[in-house]
């Protein structure tokens, strides 16, 4: 993912975390972070 890579490791994880929180805030795939 080019947009994620440009942010760097820390930023990428933060973005992915935010995306997951929006897509499935209380779904079956609940991240433990």
PDB file of N, CA and C in Angstrom:
ATOM      1  N   UNK A   1       0.845  -1.202   0.000  1.00  0.00           N
ATOM      2  CA  UNK A   1       0.000   0.000   0.000  1.00  0.00           C
ATOM      3  C   UNK A   1       0.877   1.247   0.000  1.00  0.00           C
ATOM      4  N   UNK A   2       0.905   1.961  -1.075  1.00  0.00           N
ATOM      5  CA  UNK A   2       1.771   3.117  -1.197  1.00  0.00           C
ATOM      6  C   UNK A   2       1.480   4.197  -0.168  1.00  0.00           C
ATOM      7  N   UNK A   3       0.207   4.508   0.058  1.00  0.00           N
ATOM      8  CA  UNK A   3      -0.149   5.566   1.003  1.00  0.00           C
ATOM      9  C   UNK A   3       0.273   5.192   2.417  1.00  0.00           C
ATOM     10  N   UNK A   4       0.204   3.887   2.754  1.00  0.00           N
ATOM     11  CA  UNK A   4       0.591   3.432   4.092  1.00  0.00           C
ATOM     12  C   UNK A   4       2.111   3.429   4.229  1.00  0.00           C
ATOM     13  N   UNK A   5       2.814   3.022   3.171  1.00  0.00           N
ATOM     14  CA  UNK A   5       4.273   2.956   3.218  1.00  0.00           C
ATOM     15  C   UNK A   5       4.880   4.346   3.382  1.00  0.00           C
ATOM     16  N   UNK A   6       4.250   5.342   2.790  1.00  0.00           N
ATOM     17  CA  UNK A   6       4.793   6.694   2.859  1.00  0.00           C
ATOM     18  C   UNK A   6       4.739   7.250   4.279  1.00  0.00           C
ATOM     19  N   UNK A   7       3.858   6.698   5.099  1.00  0.00           N
ATOM     20  CA  UNK A   7       3.723   7.181   6.472  1.00  0.00           C
ATOM     21  C   UNK A   7       4.777   6.589   7.387  1.00  0.00           C
ATOM     22  N   UNK A   8       5.302   5.425   7.018  1.00  0.00           N
ATOM     23  CA  UNK A   8       6.289   4.764   7.866  1.00  0.00           C
ATOM     24  C   UNK A   8       5.628   3.705   8.729  1.00  0.00           C
ATOM     25  N   UNK A   9       6.452   2.940   9.468  1.00  0.00           N
ATOM     26  CA  UNK A   9       5.943   1.825  10.273  1.00  0.00           C
ATOM     27  C   UNK A   9       4.932   2.268  11.322  1.00  0.00           C
ATOM     28  N   UNK A  10       5.323   3.225  12.145  1.00  0.00           N
ATOM     29  CA  UNK A  10       4.447   3.681  13.231  1.00  0.00           C
ATOM     30  C   UNK A  10       3.146   4.264  12.680  1.00  0.00           C
ATOM     31  N   UNK A  11       3.292   5.155  11.696  1.00  0.00           N
ATOM     32  CA  UNK A  11       2.113   5.785  11.100  1.00  0.00           C
ATOM     33  C   UNK A  11       1.211   4.771  10.426  1.00  0.00           C
ATOM     34  N   UNK A  12       1.825   3.777   9.771  1.00  0.00           N
ATOM     35  CA  UNK A  12       1.044   2.760   9.068  1.00  0.00           C
ATOM     36  C   UNK A  12       0.164   1.982  10.044  1.00  0.00           C
ATOM     37  N   UNK A  13       0.749   1.578  11.163  1.00  0.00           N
ATOM     38  CA  UNK A  13      -0.023   0.821  12.156  1.00  0.00           C
ATOM     39  C   UNK A  13      -1.146   1.679  12.719  1.00  0.00           C
ATOM     40  N   UNK A  14      -0.871   2.950  12.914  1.00  0.00           N
ATOM     41  CA  UNK A  14      -1.894   3.853  13.447  1.00  0.00           C
ATOM     42  C   UNK A  14      -3.053   3.984  12.467  1.00  0.00           C
ATOM     43  N   UNK A  15      -2.725   4.094  11.177  1.00  0.00           N
ATOM     44  CA  UNK A  15      -3.760   4.210  10.147  1.00  0.00           C
ATOM     45  C   UNK A  15      -4.576   2.929  10.056  1.00  0.00           C
ATOM     46  N   UNK A  16      -3.883   1.781  10.044  1.00  0.00           N
ATOM     47  CA  UNK A  16      -4.588   0.499   9.964  1.00  0.00           C
ATOM     48  C   UNK A  16      -5.504   0.321  11.166  1.00  0.00           C
ATOM     49  N   UNK A  17      -5.017   0.709  12.337  1.00  0.00           N
ATOM     50  CA  UNK A  17      -5.810   0.607  13.561  1.00  0.00           C
ATOM     51  C   UNK A  17      -7.069   1.467  13.443  1.00  0.00           C
ATOM     52  N   UNK A  18      -6.897   2.685  12.894  1.00  0.00           N
ATOM     53  CA  UNK A  18      -8.032   3.586  12.740  1.00  0.00           C
ATOM     54  C   UNK A  18      -9.040   3.024  11.744  1.00  0.00           C
ATOM     55  N   UNK A  19      -8.522   2.453  10.647  1.00  0.00           N
ATOM     56  CA  UNK A  19      -9.397   1.869   9.630  1.00  0.00           C
ATOM     57  C   UNK A  19     -10.196   0.710  10.207  1.00  0.00           C
ATOM     58  N   UNK A  20      -9.532  -0.174  10.960  1.00  0.00           N
ATOM     59  CA  UNK A  20     -10.216  -1.320  11.565  1.00  0.00           C
ATOM     60  C   UNK A  20     -11.269  -0.849  12.560  1.00  0.00           C
ATOM     61  N   UNK A  21     -10.949   0.197  13.304  1.00  0.00           N
ATOM     62  CA  UNK A  21     -11.890   0.727  14.287  1.00  0.00           C
ATOM     63  C   UNK A  21     -13.143   1.261  13.600  1.00  0.00           C
ATOM     64  N   UNK A  22     -12.981   1.814  12.397  1.00  0.00           N
ATOM     65  CA  UNK A  22     -14.135   2.354  11.669  1.00  0.00           C
ATOM     66  C   UNK A  22     -14.929   1.252  10.982  1.00  0.00           C
ATOM     67  N   UNK A  23     -14.204   0.268  10.425  1.00  0.00           N
ATOM     68  CA  UNK A  23     -14.866  -0.799   9.678  1.00  0.00           C
ATOM     69  C   UNK A  23     -15.649  -1.713  10.611  1.00  0.00           C
ATOM     70  N   UNK A  24     -15.003  -2.176  11.685  1.00  0.00           N
ATOM     71  CA  UNK A  24     -15.663  -3.117  12.598  1.00  0.00           C
ATOM     72  C   UNK A  24     -15.353  -2.758  14.052  1.00  0.00           C
ATOM     73  N   UNK A  25     -15.982  -1.712  14.578  1.00  0.00           N
ATOM     74  CA  UNK A  25     -15.716  -1.280  15.950  1.00  0.00           C
ATOM     75  C   UNK A  25     -16.132  -2.320  16.985  1.00  0.00           C
ATOM     76  N   UNK A  26     -17.122  -3.118  16.663  1.00  0.00           N
ATOM     77  CA  UNK A  26     -17.572  -4.149  17.611  1.00  0.00           C
ATOM     78  C   UNK A  26     -17.878  -5.432  16.854  1.00  0.00           C
ATOM     79  N   UNK A  27     -17.071  -5.693  15.820  1.00  0.00           N
ATOM     80  CA  UNK A  27     -17.263  -6.908  15.034  1.00  0.00           C
ATOM     81  C   UNK A  27     -16.514  -8.084  15.632  1.00  0.00           C
ATOM     82  N   UNK A  28     -16.536  -9.231  14.967  1.00  0.00           N
ATOM     83  CA  UNK A  28     -15.877 -10.437  15.463  1.00  0.00           C
ATOM     84  C   UNK A  28     -14.356 -10.300  15.488  1.00  0.00           C
ATOM     85  N   UNK A  29     -13.820  -9.452  14.596  1.00  0.00           N
ATOM     86  CA  UNK A  29     -12.367  -9.268  14.542  1.00  0.00           C
ATOM     87  C   UNK A  29     -12.013  -8.022  15.336  1.00  0.00           C
ATOM     88  N   UNK A  30     -11.911  -8.168  16.657  1.00  0.00           N
ATOM     89  CA  UNK A  30     -11.628  -7.025  17.524  1.00  0.00           C
ATOM     90  C   UNK A  30     -10.144  -6.994  17.874  1.00  0.00           C
ATOM     91  N   UNK A  31      -9.387  -6.016  17.385  1.00  0.00           N
ATOM     92  CA  UNK A  31      -7.960  -5.940  17.692  1.00  0.00           C
ATOM     93  C   UNK A  31      -7.727  -5.747  19.180  1.00  0.00           C
ATOM     94  N   UNK A  32      -6.666  -6.347  19.702  1.00  0.00           N
ATOM     95  CA  UNK A  32      -6.394  -6.329  21.139  1.00  0.00           C
ATOM     96  C   UNK A  32      -5.610  -5.086  21.556  1.00  0.00           C
ATOM     97  N   UNK A  33      -5.337  -4.172  20.617  1.00  0.00           N
ATOM     98  CA  UNK A  33      -4.588  -2.981  20.984  1.00  0.00           C
ATOM     99  C   UNK A  33      -5.573  -1.873  21.369  1.00  0.00           C
TER     100      UNK A  33
END
